[in-house]
Amino acid sequence: MRAAGITDVGRVRSINQDCFHLIEDKSIYIVADGMGGHAAGDQASRIAVKTITDTLSIYDLANEPPDAEEGTDAMSVEELIRFSLQEANEQILLASLSNQHLQGMGTTAIVAMEYRNQLYIGHIGDSRTYLVRDQQIQQLTEDHSVVQQLVKAGAISQEEAQVHPYKNVITRCLGMQASVEPDVMALDLLPGDRVLMCSDGLTNMVTNEQILEVVSGSTEPHPACETLIAMANEQGGTDNITVVLLYNE
C-alpha cells in the first residue's frame, strides 16, 4: 500500500483545524476535521489524531495478531478501531473540561487500518472515505449529518442536500457526548484499488466525477493529492482541505 497525504488551510480560513497522520509501517491512516464554529477545533483534531495514533501503535498486527478465537480476527480489528475512537473522545472531553477556552470543541475522525489484505475503516462525522475501482467511484462512509438523515428519509434529494442550509450540521462527532458509536466496516482490497480519505473541505468544492478523474488518472498518490487540493482552492477553498490517498498494489 502506497500512501500520501496533504492538508491545506484553504483560501478563507486563517487556522487549519484539520489534522492527519500516516503510520505507513503499521498501515494506519487517520484524518480528523476540527469542527467549524466550535471552540478550539484545531486542538480537538490534534488530540484525536494523537490519541488514535498512541492507542493503535501499541499493536503490531503484522507480527502479533489480536487475541481472538479462530475466525474472529476481523471483529477484533474492528474493535481496536472502535476503542481508539472512544479513547479519543474521552481525551477531548477531558481537555474541554479542564480548560474553559476549549469547551464545546469537537472533531470528525476517520481511521483506516490495512490487515490481511483488508482495509478496516472507522469513522464518525462527515469526513468521507471513497473507493476508486474499475474507473468508478463509490462513497464508503455515510455522513453523520442532519442532511444525510433527510436524504435517507426521502425528504430531500442528493442534489438538494448539496445546497441545503444545514449541510454542515453533524449528528455525531468526537467530543459531543460522553459515549460515541462510530461506524466500522471492512473492505476486501483488490489490486489497483485506490482509497481516498478526506475532510469536507474537499467534497464541498470538488465533485465525485472530478475526484474520479484525478485519482484514476494518476499513477502516484502524492501528485493526485496535490491536484485535488489545488482544485478545491481554485473552486473556492472555503474550508480547510485534507486529502489522504492509499494506492493498493
Protein backbone atom coordinates (compact mmCIF):
# COMPACT_ATOMS: atom_id res chain seq x y z
CA MET A 1 0.00 0.00 0.00
CA ARG A 2 1.44 3.36 -1.07
CA ALA A 3 0.10 6.34 0.88
CA ALA A 4 0.31 10.12 0.73
CA GLY A 5 -1.48 12.97 2.45
CA ILE A 6 -1.69 16.76 2.37
CA THR A 7 -3.59 19.29 4.47
CA ASP A 8 -4.15 22.91 3.45
CA VAL A 9 -5.72 25.87 5.24
CA GLY A 10 -7.72 26.86 2.14
CA ARG A 11 -8.38 30.36 0.88
CA VAL A 12 -10.79 31.68 3.53
CA ARG A 13 -9.90 30.30 6.98
CA SER A 14 -6.96 31.66 8.98
CA ILE A 15 -6.42 28.50 11.05
CA ASN A 16 -6.19 24.91 9.83
CA GLN A 17 -8.43 22.80 12.07
CA ASP A 18 -7.78 19.64 10.04
CA CYS A 19 -5.15 17.09 11.02
CA PHE A 20 -3.93 13.80 9.56
CA HIS A 21 -1.28 11.18 10.24
CA LEU A 22 0.11 8.25 8.26
CA ILE A 23 1.83 5.38 10.09
CA GLU A 24 2.95 3.52 7.00
CA ASP A 25 4.99 0.81 8.72
CA LYS A 26 1.85 -0.20 10.63
CA SER A 27 -0.61 0.54 7.79
CA ILE A 28 -2.60 3.01 9.90
CA TYR A 29 -4.10 6.16 8.37
CA ILE A 30 -6.01 8.91 10.22
CA VAL A 31 -7.91 12.06 9.19
CA ALA A 32 -9.67 14.49 11.55
CA ASP A 33 -11.57 17.72 10.90
CA GLY A 34 -12.00 20.00 13.91
CA MET A 35 -15.49 21.34 14.00
CA GLY A 36 -16.01 24.74 12.42
CA GLY A 37 -17.92 27.02 14.75
CA HIS A 38 -16.80 25.04 17.81
CA ALA A 39 -14.14 26.27 20.21
CA ALA A 40 -10.60 25.09 19.54
CA GLY A 41 -11.43 22.70 16.73
CA ASP A 42 -7.75 22.57 15.85
CA GLN A 43 -6.99 21.27 19.35
CA ALA A 44 -9.73 18.65 19.10
CA SER A 45 -8.46 17.25 15.80
CA ARG A 46 -4.89 17.06 17.07
CA ILE A 47 -5.92 15.36 20.31
CA ALA A 48 -7.91 12.85 18.27
CA VAL A 49 -5.05 12.04 15.92
CA LYS A 50 -2.50 11.74 18.73
CA THR A 51 -4.77 9.55 20.88
CA ILE A 52 -5.69 7.25 18.00
CA THR A 53 -2.03 7.02 16.99
CA ASP A 54 -0.89 6.22 20.54
CA THR A 55 -3.66 3.66 21.04
CA LEU A 56 -3.22 1.75 17.79
CA SER A 57 0.59 1.93 17.68
CA ILE A 58 0.74 -0.40 20.66
CA TYR A 59 -0.45 -3.24 18.45
CA ASP A 60 1.83 -4.83 15.87
CA LEU A 61 -0.75 -6.59 13.75
CA ALA A 62 1.83 -7.87 11.28
CA ASN A 63 3.56 -9.98 13.94
CA GLU A 64 1.09 -10.17 16.80
CA PRO A 65 -2.50 -10.62 15.59
CA PRO A 66 -5.22 -9.57 18.03
CA ASP A 67 -6.08 -12.12 20.70
CA ALA A 68 -9.21 -13.76 19.39
CA GLU A 69 -10.76 -17.10 18.73
CA GLU A 70 -10.32 -18.58 15.30
CA GLY A 71 -12.36 -16.75 12.72
CA THR A 72 -12.85 -13.60 14.81
CA ASP A 73 -9.78 -11.58 13.75
CA ALA A 74 -11.93 -9.22 11.67
CA MET A 75 -14.11 -8.28 14.61
CA SER A 76 -11.04 -7.85 16.81
CA VAL A 77 -9.53 -5.32 14.40
CA GLU A 78 -12.85 -3.53 14.20
CA GLU A 79 -12.99 -3.41 17.99
CA LEU A 80 -9.48 -1.94 18.13
CA ILE A 81 -10.55 0.87 15.83
CA ARG A 82 -13.74 1.45 17.79
CA PHE A 83 -11.75 1.51 21.04
CA SER A 84 -9.25 4.04 19.64
CA LEU A 85 -12.07 6.40 18.66
CA GLN A 86 -13.71 6.04 22.06
CA GLU A 87 -10.37 6.82 23.73
CA ALA A 88 -10.01 9.92 21.54
CA ASN A 89 -13.50 11.03 22.52
CA GLU A 90 -12.62 10.68 26.19
CA GLN A 91 -9.40 12.68 25.84
CA ILE A 92 -11.19 15.51 24.02
CA LEU A 93 -13.87 15.67 26.71
CA LEU A 94 -11.22 15.70 29.47
CA ALA A 95 -9.35 18.54 27.75
CA SER A 96 -12.54 20.57 27.31
CA LEU A 97 -13.45 20.12 30.98
CA SER A 98 -10.00 21.22 32.13
CA ASN A 99 -9.89 24.42 30.09
CA GLN A 100 -12.88 26.73 29.64
CA HIS A 101 -11.43 28.02 26.37
CA LEU A 102 -11.68 24.51 24.92
CA GLN A 103 -15.26 23.81 25.99
CA GLY A 104 -17.50 22.73 23.14
CA MET A 105 -14.71 21.61 20.84
CA GLY A 106 -15.24 18.58 18.64
CA THR A 107 -13.89 16.79 15.61
CA THR A 108 -14.77 14.27 12.96
CA ALA A 109 -12.44 11.31 12.52
CA ILE A 110 -11.62 8.56 10.05
CA VAL A 111 -9.30 5.68 10.92
CA ALA A 112 -8.19 3.11 8.35
CA MET A 113 -6.05 0.03 9.04
CA GLU A 114 -4.84 -2.49 6.49
CA TYR A 115 -4.71 -6.07 7.81
CA ARG A 116 -4.57 -9.35 5.88
CA ASN A 117 -5.48 -7.68 2.58
CA GLN A 118 -8.48 -5.95 4.06
CA LEU A 119 -8.92 -2.30 4.90
CA TYR A 120 -10.81 -1.67 8.13
CA ILE A 121 -12.40 1.77 8.30
CA GLY A 122 -13.91 3.50 11.32
CA HIS A 123 -15.47 6.93 11.12
CA ILE A 124 -17.58 9.46 12.95
CA GLY A 125 -18.84 12.75 11.50
CA ASP A 126 -18.95 13.87 7.88
CA SER A 127 -15.37 13.38 6.73
CA ARG A 128 -15.53 10.77 3.98
CA THR A 129 -13.83 7.71 2.55
CA TYR A 130 -14.17 6.78 -1.14
CA LEU A 131 -13.15 3.76 -3.15
CA VAL A 132 -11.94 4.18 -6.73
CA ARG A 133 -12.08 0.83 -8.56
CA ASP A 134 -12.51 -0.08 -12.23
CA GLN A 135 -12.91 3.56 -13.28
CA GLN A 136 -15.79 4.07 -10.84
CA ILE A 137 -16.02 5.93 -7.53
CA GLN A 138 -18.04 4.81 -4.51
CA GLN A 139 -18.54 6.62 -1.20
CA LEU A 140 -17.87 4.04 1.50
CA THR A 141 -18.79 6.06 4.59
CA GLU A 142 -22.15 7.60 5.36
CA ASP A 143 -22.19 11.15 6.71
CA HIS A 144 -23.42 11.52 10.27
CA SER A 145 -25.35 14.68 9.44
CA VAL A 146 -28.82 16.18 9.54
CA VAL A 147 -28.91 16.42 5.77
CA GLN A 148 -27.96 12.76 5.31
CA GLN A 149 -30.83 11.79 7.60
CA LEU A 150 -33.19 13.84 5.44
CA VAL A 151 -31.86 12.12 2.31
CA LYS A 152 -32.34 8.66 3.86
CA ALA A 153 -35.88 9.59 4.87
CA GLY A 154 -36.64 10.66 1.29
CA ALA A 155 -37.37 14.23 2.38
CA ILE A 156 -34.75 15.75 0.05
CA SER A 157 -32.67 14.58 -2.91
CA GLN A 158 -28.88 14.28 -3.09
CA GLU A 159 -28.87 17.38 -5.31
CA GLU A 160 -30.86 19.34 -2.72
CA ALA A 161 -28.53 18.09 0.00
CA GLN A 162 -25.57 19.77 -1.70
CA VAL A 163 -27.09 23.23 -1.18
CA HIS A 164 -29.13 22.65 1.97
CA PRO A 165 -28.58 25.31 4.68
CA TYR A 166 -27.96 22.57 7.27
CA LYS A 167 -25.46 20.63 5.16
CA ASN A 168 -22.66 21.18 7.69
CA VAL A 169 -24.67 20.27 10.79
CA ILE A 170 -23.48 16.88 12.01
CA THR A 171 -25.21 14.46 14.36
CA ARG A 172 -22.13 12.62 15.67
CA CYS A 173 -18.56 13.67 16.39
CA LEU A 174 -15.80 13.17 18.94
CA GLY A 175 -16.24 15.47 21.92
CA MET A 176 -20.02 15.84 21.59
CA GLN A 177 -21.14 13.26 24.17
CA ALA A 178 -19.68 11.04 26.90
CA SER A 179 -20.04 7.97 24.68
CA VAL A 180 -19.73 7.64 20.92
CA GLU A 181 -20.73 4.98 18.43
CA PRO A 182 -18.54 5.10 15.31
CA ASP A 183 -19.36 3.15 12.18
CA VAL A 184 -16.77 0.46 11.38
CA MET A 185 -16.55 -1.56 8.18
CA ALA A 186 -14.16 -3.88 6.32
CA LEU A 187 -13.24 -3.66 2.64
CA ASP A 188 -11.70 -6.55 0.71
CA LEU A 189 -8.82 -4.95 -1.20
CA LEU A 190 -8.17 -5.73 -4.85
CA PRO A 191 -5.04 -4.91 -6.87
CA GLY A 192 -5.34 -1.40 -8.26
CA ASP A 193 -7.79 -0.16 -5.62
CA ARG A 194 -7.40 3.46 -4.60
CA VAL A 195 -8.89 4.75 -1.37
CA LEU A 196 -9.46 8.44 -0.61
CA MET A 197 -9.92 9.78 2.92
CA CYS A 198 -10.79 13.47 3.11
CA SER A 199 -12.38 16.31 5.04
CA ASP A 200 -15.45 18.08 3.71
CA GLY A 201 -13.25 20.95 2.58
CA LEU A 202 -12.60 18.77 -0.47
CA THR A 203 -16.03 17.29 -1.09
CA ASN A 204 -17.83 20.63 -0.74
CA MET A 205 -15.68 22.04 -3.55
CA VAL A 206 -14.85 19.13 -5.85
CA THR A 207 -17.36 16.72 -7.41
CA ASN A 208 -17.14 12.94 -7.32
CA GLU A 209 -16.56 12.94 -11.07
CA GLN A 210 -13.60 15.30 -10.70
CA ILE A 211 -12.17 13.18 -7.90
CA LEU A 212 -12.51 10.05 -10.02
CA GLU A 213 -10.74 11.67 -12.96
CA VAL A 214 -7.80 12.85 -10.84
CA VAL A 215 -7.33 9.69 -8.78
CA SER A 216 -7.76 7.22 -11.63
CA GLY A 217 -5.53 9.31 -13.89
CA SER A 218 -2.54 9.49 -11.54
CA THR A 219 -0.10 6.63 -11.01
CA GLU A 220 1.28 8.14 -7.77
CA PRO A 221 -0.74 9.22 -4.72
CA HIS A 222 1.16 12.41 -3.81
CA PRO A 223 0.66 14.26 -7.11
CA ALA A 224 -3.01 13.29 -7.02
CA CYS A 225 -3.29 14.79 -3.52
CA GLU A 226 -1.67 18.00 -4.75
CA THR A 227 -4.06 18.22 -7.69
CA LEU A 228 -7.15 17.71 -5.53
CA ILE A 229 -6.02 20.35 -3.02
CA ALA A 230 -5.38 22.81 -5.86
CA MET A 231 -8.80 22.11 -7.40
CA ALA A 232 -10.59 22.69 -4.08
CA ASN A 233 -8.78 26.03 -3.69
CA GLU A 234 -9.45 27.04 -7.29
CA GLN A 235 -13.14 26.34 -6.79
CA GLY A 236 -13.43 28.44 -3.63
CA GLY A 237 -11.30 26.92 -0.88
CA THR A 238 -13.90 27.96 1.69
CA ASP A 239 -12.72 25.46 4.30
CA ASN A 240 -9.59 23.61 5.37
CA ILE A 241 -8.81 20.76 2.97
CA THR A 242 -7.25 17.41 3.85
CA VAL A 243 -6.65 14.60 1.39
CA VAL A 244 -5.14 11.17 2.10
CA LEU A 245 -4.76 8.66 -0.74
CA LEU A 246 -3.99 4.96 -0.44
CA TYR A 247 -2.92 3.05 -3.57
CA ASN A 248 -3.13 -0.72 -3.30
CA GLU A 249 -0.62 -2.61 -5.44
